[in-house]
């Protein structure tokens, strides 16, 4: 008899960011698959089996979870943030499409979570108050030339841009290259928000104009939001400024 697979977004950090639906699915799961640091955010309990795998083994992880569900188990797959935003939901769907035909009959639930750009935006104010887009700077699954085209198009169209996967040990140069490319269209005055580990105890948020934005402020725990010419900074005495993009637009 086929079991169930729930692909769950854990939110950006502490458990209070998880939805009630996510908590219910975690409580019902017999086994949980995921990248090790995400599994660590799920409390151990009697009868729960955790299966960790490397961050670059998404399809293998998805296939293993689907096979367990097909064998009749109640299975969860965990991702940070939202599972459908640069995370495991797409890998599970791909595995269903390309894998064992029996996997198409599995009871599958995609459980949303608070993705990093929403957590960072809320911490900063409302920089996503008007049209925006999200772009991953990782070129592991697409050429860097595609990243450049999308950055240029988004900037020219007047979108606020949320940058995921901005930098890593293997990709230390790409965020700086992205800033340089965006300055050509946006100039140096638009605000840049660096939100690191928002929702966790070591959270850090900083704001700089694009001309002064330093890529070394970021790591893989950082989400970067780049505003537009319409994005505003509201200074507040003794408090962090508010960054927001007005709900109206005069056009690019």
C-alpha atoms as a PDB file:
ATOM      1  CA  UNK A   1       0.000   0.000   0.000  1.00  0.00           C
ATOM      2  CA  UNK A   2       1.356   3.430  -0.916  1.00  0.00           C
ATOM      3  CA  UNK A   3       2.313   5.758   1.899  1.00  0.00           C
ATOM      4  CA  UNK A   4       2.652   9.533   1.959  1.00  0.00           C
ATOM      5  CA  UNK A   5       5.425  12.004   1.259  1.00  0.00           C
ATOM      6  CA  UNK A   6       5.222  15.540   2.627  1.00  0.00           C
ATOM      7  CA  UNK A   7       7.837  17.992   1.327  1.00  0.00           C
ATOM      8  CA  UNK A   8       8.076  20.512   4.127  1.00  0.00           C
ATOM      9  CA  UNK A   9       9.424  24.044   4.389  1.00  0.00           C
ATOM     10  CA  UNK A  10      10.966  24.636   7.812  1.00  0.00           C
ATOM     11  CA  UNK A  11      11.063  28.405   7.429  1.00  0.00           C
ATOM     12  CA  UNK A  12      14.170  30.554   7.800  1.00  0.00           C
ATOM     13  CA  UNK A  13      15.197  29.623  11.325  1.00  0.00           C
ATOM     14  CA  UNK A  14      13.612  28.991  14.704  1.00  0.00           C
ATOM     15  CA  UNK A  15      10.626  26.685  15.033  1.00  0.00           C
ATOM     16  CA  UNK A  16       8.200  29.574  15.613  1.00  0.00           C
ATOM     17  CA  UNK A  17       8.546  30.411  11.925  1.00  0.00           C
ATOM     18  CA  UNK A  18       7.116  27.022  10.924  1.00  0.00           C
ATOM     19  CA  UNK A  19       3.492  26.715   9.954  1.00  0.00           C
ATOM     20  CA  UNK A  20       1.033  24.573  11.907  1.00  0.00           C
ATOM     21  CA  UNK A  21       0.674  22.367   8.811  1.00  0.00           C
ATOM     22  CA  UNK A  22       4.434  21.742   8.759  1.00  0.00           C
ATOM     23  CA  UNK A  23       4.453  20.816  12.454  1.00  0.00           C
ATOM     24  CA  UNK A  24       1.547  18.403  11.937  1.00  0.00           C
ATOM     25  CA  UNK A  25       3.306  16.656   9.047  1.00  0.00           C
ATOM     26  CA  UNK A  26       6.544  16.374  11.015  1.00  0.00           C
ATOM     27  CA  UNK A  27       4.677  14.894  13.978  1.00  0.00           C
ATOM     28  CA  UNK A  28       3.051  12.268  11.758  1.00  0.00           C
ATOM     29  CA  UNK A  29       6.205  11.227   9.871  1.00  0.00           C
ATOM     30  CA  UNK A  30       7.914   7.903  10.498  1.00  0.00           C
ATOM     31  CA  UNK A  31      11.057   8.923   8.647  1.00  0.00           C
ATOM     32  CA  UNK A  32      12.501  12.252   7.543  1.00  0.00           C
ATOM     33  CA  UNK A  33      14.934  12.853   4.701  1.00  0.00           C
ATOM     34  CA  UNK A  34      16.998  15.983   4.263  1.00  0.00           C
ATOM     35  CA  UNK A  35      20.291  17.834   4.230  1.00  0.00           C
ATOM     36  CA  UNK A  36      21.974  17.339   7.608  1.00  0.00           C
ATOM     37  CA  UNK A  37      21.729  20.930   8.956  1.00  0.00           C
ATOM     38  CA  UNK A  38      18.008  20.998   8.150  1.00  0.00           C
ATOM     39  CA  UNK A  39      17.424  17.654   9.851  1.00  0.00           C
ATOM     40  CA  UNK A  40      19.126  19.071  12.939  1.00  0.00           C
ATOM     41  CA  UNK A  41      16.288  21.585  13.202  1.00  0.00           C
ATOM     42  CA  UNK A  42      13.748  18.787  13.706  1.00  0.00           C
ATOM     43  CA  UNK A  43      13.519  17.419  17.260  1.00  0.00           C
ATOM     44  CA  UNK A  44      14.310  13.739  17.797  1.00  0.00           C
ATOM     45  CA  UNK A  45      11.556  11.484  19.131  1.00  0.00           C
ATOM     46  CA  UNK A  46      10.949   7.797  19.652  1.00  0.00           C
ATOM     47  CA  UNK A  47      10.228   5.959  16.434  1.00  0.00           C
ATOM     48  CA  UNK A  48      11.477   8.727  14.140  1.00  0.00           C
ATOM     49  CA  UNK A  49      14.213   7.829  11.655  1.00  0.00           C
ATOM     50  CA  UNK A  50      16.285  10.615  10.121  1.00  0.00           C
ATOM     51  CA  UNK A  51      18.164  10.029   6.867  1.00  0.00           C
ATOM     52  CA  UNK A  52      20.745  12.718   6.076  1.00  0.00           C
ATOM     53  CA  UNK A  53      22.449  13.306   2.738  1.00  0.00           C
ATOM     54  CA  UNK A  54      24.734  15.876   1.145  1.00  0.00           C
ATOM     55  CA  UNK A  55      23.359  19.156  -0.164  1.00  0.00           C
ATOM     56  CA  UNK A  56      24.156  18.212  -3.784  1.00  0.00           C
ATOM     57  CA  UNK A  57      22.314  14.875  -3.743  1.00  0.00           C
ATOM     58  CA  UNK A  58      18.816  16.254  -4.275  1.00  0.00           C
ATOM     59  CA  UNK A  59      17.586  13.788  -6.906  1.00  0.00           C
ATOM     60  CA  UNK A  60      18.973  10.763  -5.082  1.00  0.00           C
ATOM     61  CA  UNK A  61      17.393  12.029  -1.859  1.00  0.00           C
ATOM     62  CA  UNK A  62      14.065  12.579  -3.592  1.00  0.00           C
ATOM     63  CA  UNK A  63      14.149   9.090  -5.102  1.00  0.00           C
ATOM     64  CA  UNK A  64      14.940   7.464  -1.769  1.00  0.00           C
ATOM     65  CA  UNK A  65      12.093   9.326  -0.052  1.00  0.00           C
ATOM     66  CA  UNK A  66       9.640   8.403  -2.805  1.00  0.00           C
ATOM     67  CA  UNK A  67      10.704   4.761  -2.633  1.00  0.00           C
ATOM     68  CA  UNK A  68      10.083   4.747   1.115  1.00  0.00           C
ATOM     69  CA  UNK A  69       6.648   6.285   0.616  1.00  0.00           C
ATOM     70  CA  UNK A  70       5.853   3.754  -2.123  1.00  0.00           C
ATOM     71  CA  UNK A  71       6.712   1.005   0.370  1.00  0.00           C
ATOM     72  CA  UNK A  72       3.936   2.290   2.636  1.00  0.00           C
ATOM     73  CA  UNK A  73       5.776   4.607   5.019  1.00  0.00           C
ATOM     74  CA  UNK A  74       4.738   8.059   6.132  1.00  0.00           C
ATOM     75  CA  UNK A  75       7.692  10.135   4.978  1.00  0.00           C
ATOM     76  CA  UNK A  76       8.742  13.780   5.264  1.00  0.00           C
ATOM     77  CA  UNK A  77      11.345  15.662   3.255  1.00  0.00           C
ATOM     78  CA  UNK A  78      12.604  18.886   4.814  1.00  0.00           C
ATOM     79  CA  UNK A  79      13.971  22.056   3.243  1.00  0.00           C
ATOM     80  CA  UNK A  80      14.884  25.370   4.759  1.00  0.00           C
ATOM     81  CA  UNK A  81      12.551  28.247   3.935  1.00  0.00           C
ATOM     82  CA  UNK A  82       9.954  27.203   1.366  1.00  0.00           C
ATOM     83  CA  UNK A  83      10.451  23.837  -0.387  1.00  0.00           C
ATOM     84  CA  UNK A  84       9.355  25.291  -3.726  1.00  0.00           C
ATOM     85  CA  UNK A  85      11.909  28.130  -3.799  1.00  0.00           C
ATOM     86  CA  UNK A  86      15.304  26.813  -4.984  1.00  0.00           C
ATOM     87  CA  UNK A  87      14.696  23.738  -2.838  1.00  0.00           C
ATOM     88  CA  UNK A  88      13.473  20.147  -2.714  1.00  0.00           C
ATOM     89  CA  UNK A  89       9.932  20.353  -4.101  1.00  0.00           C
ATOM     90  CA  UNK A  90      11.198  20.720  -7.678  1.00  0.00           C
ATOM     91  CA  UNK A  91      13.595  17.784  -7.220  1.00  0.00           C
ATOM     92  CA  UNK A  92      10.761  15.598  -5.922  1.00  0.00           C
ATOM     93  CA  UNK A  93       8.531  16.566  -8.855  1.00  0.00           C
ATOM     94  CA  UNK A  94      11.372  15.804 -11.277  1.00  0.00           C
ATOM     95  CA  UNK A  95      11.907  12.412  -9.655  1.00  0.00           C
ATOM     96  CA  UNK A  96       8.184  11.654  -9.938  1.00  0.00           C
ATOM     97  CA  UNK A  97       8.260  12.579 -13.630  1.00  0.00           C
ATOM     98  CA  UNK A  98      11.380  10.576 -14.509  1.00  0.00           C
ATOM     99  CA  UNK A  99      11.330   7.753 -11.965  1.00  0.00           C
ATOM    100  CA  UNK A 100       9.273   4.674 -11.148  1.00  0.00           C
ATOM    101  CA  UNK A 101       5.754   5.036 -12.598  1.00  0.00           C
ATOM    102  CA  UNK A 102       4.392   3.798  -9.268  1.00  0.00           C
ATOM    103  CA  UNK A 103       5.608   7.046  -7.653  1.00  0.00           C
ATOM    104  CA  UNK A 104       2.877   8.962  -9.483  1.00  0.00           C
ATOM    105  CA  UNK A 105       0.289   7.271  -7.260  1.00  0.00           C
ATOM    106  CA  UNK A 106       1.925   8.387  -3.994  1.00  0.00           C
ATOM    107  CA  UNK A 107      -0.010  10.741  -1.742  1.00  0.00           C
ATOM    108  CA  UNK A 108       2.232  13.811  -2.120  1.00  0.00           C
ATOM    109  CA  UNK A 109       1.912  17.086  -0.216  1.00  0.00           C
ATOM    110  CA  UNK A 110       4.032  20.208  -0.708  1.00  0.00           C
ATOM    111  CA  UNK A 111       3.911  22.154   2.569  1.00  0.00           C
ATOM    112  CA  UNK A 112       4.892  25.823   2.193  1.00  0.00           C
ATOM    113  CA  UNK A 113       7.202  27.725   4.487  1.00  0.00           C
ATOM    114  CA  UNK A 114       8.501  31.254   5.001  1.00  0.00           C
ATOM    115  CA  UNK A 115      11.242  31.680   2.420  1.00  0.00           C
ATOM    116  CA  UNK A 116      14.368  33.716   3.172  1.00  0.00           C
ATOM    117  CA  UNK A 117      13.452  36.722   1.032  1.00  0.00           C
ATOM    118  CA  UNK A 118      10.223  37.187   3.004  1.00  0.00           C
ATOM    119  CA  UNK A 119      12.004  36.908   6.358  1.00  0.00           C
ATOM    120  CA  UNK A 120      14.705  39.389   5.325  1.00  0.00           C
ATOM    121  CA  UNK A 121      12.157  41.769   3.804  1.00  0.00           C
ATOM    122  CA  UNK A 122      10.115  41.749   7.010  1.00  0.00           C
ATOM    123  CA  UNK A 123      13.225  42.424   9.104  1.00  0.00           C
ATOM    124  CA  UNK A 124      14.141  45.383   6.873  1.00  0.00           C
ATOM    125  CA  UNK A 125      10.657  46.867   6.424  1.00  0.00           C
ATOM    126  CA  UNK A 126       8.917  46.266   3.104  1.00  0.00           C
ATOM    127  CA  UNK A 127      11.449  46.284   0.243  1.00  0.00           C
ATOM    128  CA  UNK A 128       9.267  43.823  -1.688  1.00  0.00           C
ATOM    129  CA  UNK A 129       6.276  46.159  -1.513  1.00  0.00           C
ATOM    130  CA  UNK A 130       6.069  46.423  -5.305  1.00  0.00           C
ATOM    131  CA  UNK A 131       7.089  44.112  -8.171  1.00  0.00           C
ATOM    132  CA  UNK A 132      10.083  41.899  -7.419  1.00  0.00           C
ATOM    133  CA  UNK A 133      11.871  38.756  -8.550  1.00  0.00           C
ATOM    134  CA  UNK A 134      14.167  36.127  -7.068  1.00  0.00           C
ATOM    135  CA  UNK A 135      17.374  34.966  -8.748  1.00  0.00           C
ATOM    136  CA  UNK A 136      19.865  32.366  -7.563  1.00  0.00           C
ATOM    137  CA  UNK A 137      23.492  33.310  -8.166  1.00  0.00           C
ATOM    138  CA  UNK A 138      24.552  29.680  -8.140  1.00  0.00           C
ATOM    139  CA  UNK A 139      25.762  28.450 -11.505  1.00  0.00           C
ATOM    140  CA  UNK A 140      25.759  24.786 -10.472  1.00  0.00           C
ATOM    141  CA  UNK A 141      22.599  24.122 -12.493  1.00  0.00           C
ATOM    142  CA  UNK A 142      22.724  26.924 -15.076  1.00  0.00           C
ATOM    143  CA  UNK A 143      25.492  28.842 -16.866  1.00  0.00           C
ATOM    144  CA  UNK A 144      26.730  32.114 -15.382  1.00  0.00           C
ATOM    145  CA  UNK A 145      25.859  33.801 -18.679  1.00  0.00           C
ATOM    146  CA  UNK A 146      22.179  33.021 -17.958  1.00  0.00           C
ATOM    147  CA  UNK A 147      22.508  34.580 -14.501  1.00  0.00           C
ATOM    148  CA  UNK A 148      23.967  37.739 -16.062  1.00  0.00           C
ATOM    149  CA  UNK A 149      21.139  38.000 -18.610  1.00  0.00           C
ATOM    150  CA  UNK A 150      18.493  37.627 -15.919  1.00  0.00           C
ATOM    151  CA  UNK A 151      20.129  40.174 -13.628  1.00  0.00           C
ATOM    152  CA  UNK A 152      20.363  42.725 -16.453  1.00  0.00           C
ATOM    153  CA  UNK A 153      16.770  42.114 -17.552  1.00  0.00           C
ATOM    154  CA  UNK A 154      15.399  42.385 -14.005  1.00  0.00           C
ATOM    155  CA  UNK A 155      17.301  45.599 -13.349  1.00  0.00           C
ATOM    156  CA  UNK A 156      16.201  47.148 -16.651  1.00  0.00           C
ATOM    157  CA  UNK A 157      12.573  46.209 -15.942  1.00  0.00           C
ATOM    158  CA  UNK A 158      12.613  47.897 -12.543  1.00  0.00           C
ATOM    159  CA  UNK A 159      12.216  44.817 -10.349  1.00  0.00           C
ATOM    160  CA  UNK A 160      13.480  44.684  -6.799  1.00  0.00           C
ATOM    161  CA  UNK A 161      15.824  41.675  -6.859  1.00  0.00           C
ATOM    162  CA  UNK A 162      16.226  39.051  -4.143  1.00  0.00           C
ATOM    163  CA  UNK A 163      19.484  37.141  -4.542  1.00  0.00           C
ATOM    164  CA  UNK A 164      19.644  33.583  -3.243  1.00  0.00           C
ATOM    165  CA  UNK A 165      22.876  31.566  -2.946  1.00  0.00           C
ATOM    166  CA  UNK A 166      24.944  34.750  -3.261  1.00  0.00           C
ATOM    167  CA  UNK A 167      28.368  33.353  -2.426  1.00  0.00           C
ATOM    168  CA  UNK A 168      30.201  30.215  -1.320  1.00  0.00           C
ATOM    169  CA  UNK A 169      33.744  28.924  -0.967  1.00  0.00           C
ATOM    170  CA  UNK A 170      33.531  27.532  -4.483  1.00  0.00           C
ATOM    171  CA  UNK A 171      31.951  30.755  -5.844  1.00  0.00           C
ATOM    172  CA  UNK A 172      33.615  33.651  -3.986  1.00  0.00           C
ATOM    173  CA  UNK A 173      33.488  36.116  -6.906  1.00  0.00           C
ATOM    174  CA  UNK A 174      29.929  35.982  -8.198  1.00  0.00           C
ATOM    175  CA  UNK A 175      28.199  38.410  -5.843  1.00  0.00           C
ATOM    176  CA  UNK A 176      30.815  41.069  -6.548  1.00  0.00           C
ATOM    177  CA  UNK A 177      30.375  40.469 -10.268  1.00  0.00           C
ATOM    178  CA  UNK A 178      26.597  40.774  -9.868  1.00  0.00           C
ATOM    179  CA  UNK A 179      26.949  44.087  -8.021  1.00  0.00           C
ATOM    180  CA  UNK A 180      29.245  45.435 -10.756  1.00  0.00           C
ATOM    181  CA  UNK A 181      26.797  44.373 -13.465  1.00  0.00           C
ATOM    182  CA  UNK A 182      23.792  45.888 -11.675  1.00  0.00           C
ATOM    183  CA  UNK A 183      25.559  49.226 -11.105  1.00  0.00           C
ATOM    184  CA  UNK A 184      25.667  49.667 -14.884  1.00  0.00           C
ATOM    185  CA  UNK A 185      21.849  49.891 -14.959  1.00  0.00           C
ATOM    186  CA  UNK A 186      20.872  50.955 -11.448  1.00  0.00           C
ATOM    187  CA  UNK A 187      23.671  53.345 -10.519  1.00  0.00           C
ATOM    188  CA  UNK A 188      25.146  53.408  -7.052  1.00  0.00           C
ATOM    189  CA  UNK A 189      22.403  54.891  -4.891  1.00  0.00           C
ATOM    190  CA  UNK A 190      19.834  52.086  -4.726  1.00  0.00           C
ATOM    191  CA  UNK A 191      19.735  50.367  -1.326  1.00  0.00           C
ATOM    192  CA  UNK A 192      21.099  46.884  -0.776  1.00  0.00           C
ATOM    193  CA  UNK A 193      19.932  44.814   2.193  1.00  0.00           C
ATOM    194  CA  UNK A 194      22.114  42.011   3.544  1.00  0.00           C
ATOM    195  CA  UNK A 195      20.138  39.628   5.756  1.00  0.00           C
ATOM    196  CA  UNK A 196      22.165  36.850   7.329  1.00  0.00           C
ATOM    197  CA  UNK A 197      20.541  33.981   9.248  1.00  0.00           C
ATOM    198  CA  UNK A 198      17.357  35.972   9.770  1.00  0.00           C
ATOM    199  CA  UNK A 199      15.136  34.034  12.172  1.00  0.00           C
ATOM    200  CA  UNK A 200      18.096  32.507  14.032  1.00  0.00           C
ATOM    201  CA  UNK A 201      19.952  33.678  17.143  1.00  0.00           C
ATOM    202  CA  UNK A 202      22.953  34.906  15.104  1.00  0.00           C
ATOM    203  CA  UNK A 203      20.810  37.009  12.747  1.00  0.00           C
ATOM    204  CA  UNK A 204      22.417  40.095  11.243  1.00  0.00           C
ATOM    205  CA  UNK A 205      20.955  42.761   8.958  1.00  0.00           C
ATOM    206  CA  UNK A 206      22.755  45.652   7.277  1.00  0.00           C
ATOM    207  CA  UNK A 207      21.938  48.230   4.597  1.00  0.00           C
ATOM    208  CA  UNK A 208      24.292  49.929   2.129  1.00  0.00           C
ATOM    209  CA  UNK A 209      24.005  51.811  -1.172  1.00  0.00           C
ATOM    210  CA  UNK A 210      24.890  49.670  -4.168  1.00  0.00           C
ATOM    211  CA  UNK A 211      28.033  51.731  -4.778  1.00  0.00           C
ATOM    212  CA  UNK A 212      29.346  50.688  -1.343  1.00  0.00           C
ATOM    213  CA  UNK A 213      27.890  47.173  -1.124  1.00  0.00           C
ATOM    214  CA  UNK A 214      30.655  44.780  -0.109  1.00  0.00           C
ATOM    215  CA  UNK A 215      30.265  41.191  -1.305  1.00  0.00           C
ATOM    216  CA  UNK A 216      32.412  40.013   1.608  1.00  0.00           C
ATOM    217  CA  UNK A 217      29.503  40.777   3.949  1.00  0.00           C
ATOM    218  CA  UNK A 218      27.655  37.773   2.518  1.00  0.00           C
ATOM    219  CA  UNK A 219      27.917  34.017   2.841  1.00  0.00           C
ATOM    220  CA  UNK A 220      25.591  31.135   1.992  1.00  0.00           C
ATOM    221  CA  UNK A 221      23.416  32.007   4.996  1.00  0.00           C
ATOM    222  CA  UNK A 222      22.795  35.467   3.519  1.00  0.00           C
ATOM    223  CA  UNK A 223      19.915  36.699   1.399  1.00  0.00           C
ATOM    224  CA  UNK A 224      20.574  39.927  -0.501  1.00  0.00           C
ATOM    225  CA  UNK A 225      17.812  42.298  -1.602  1.00  0.00           C
ATOM    226  CA  UNK A 226      18.626  45.007  -4.143  1.00  0.00           C
ATOM    227  CA  UNK A 227      16.150  47.847  -4.398  1.00  0.00           C
ATOM    228  CA  UNK A 228      15.215  50.136  -7.263  1.00  0.00           C
ATOM    229  CA  UNK A 229      15.322  53.901  -7.756  1.00  0.00           C
ATOM    230  CA  UNK A 230      11.882  53.972  -6.117  1.00  0.00           C
ATOM    231  CA  UNK A 231      12.916  52.062  -2.982  1.00  0.00           C
ATOM    232  CA  UNK A 232      12.955  54.353   0.054  1.00  0.00           C
ATOM    233  CA  UNK A 233      14.943  54.460   3.307  1.00  0.00           C
ATOM    234  CA  UNK A 234      13.164  55.978   6.299  1.00  0.00           C
ATOM    235  CA  UNK A 235      15.585  57.055   9.015  1.00  0.00           C
ATOM    236  CA  UNK A 236      14.401  56.599  12.622  1.00  0.00           C
ATOM    237  CA  UNK A 237      16.294  58.112  15.579  1.00  0.00           C
ATOM    238  CA  UNK A 238      17.910  55.364  17.627  1.00  0.00           C
ATOM    239  CA  UNK A 239      16.274  52.630  15.538  1.00  0.00           C
ATOM    240  CA  UNK A 240      17.114  50.684  12.412  1.00  0.00           C
ATOM    241  CA  UNK A 241      15.980  52.482   9.247  1.00  0.00           C
ATOM    242  CA  UNK A 242      12.970  51.170   7.370  1.00  0.00           C
ATOM    243  CA  UNK A 243      13.555  50.092   3.784  1.00  0.00           C
ATOM    244  CA  UNK A 244      10.437  49.949   1.645  1.00  0.00           C
ATOM    245  CA  UNK A 245       9.360  50.036  -1.982  1.00  0.00           C
ATOM    246  CA  UNK A 246       6.144  52.032  -2.468  1.00  0.00           C
ATOM    247  CA  UNK A 247       3.073  50.226  -3.731  1.00  0.00           C
ATOM    248  CA  UNK A 248       2.805  52.650  -6.657  1.00  0.00           C
ATOM    249  CA  UNK A 249       5.298  53.025  -9.484  1.00  0.00           C
ATOM    250  CA  UNK A 250       6.064  55.796 -11.933  1.00  0.00           C
ATOM    251  CA  UNK A 251       7.502  53.315 -14.424  1.00  0.00           C
ATOM    252  CA  UNK A 252      11.032  52.304 -15.342  1.00  0.00           C
END
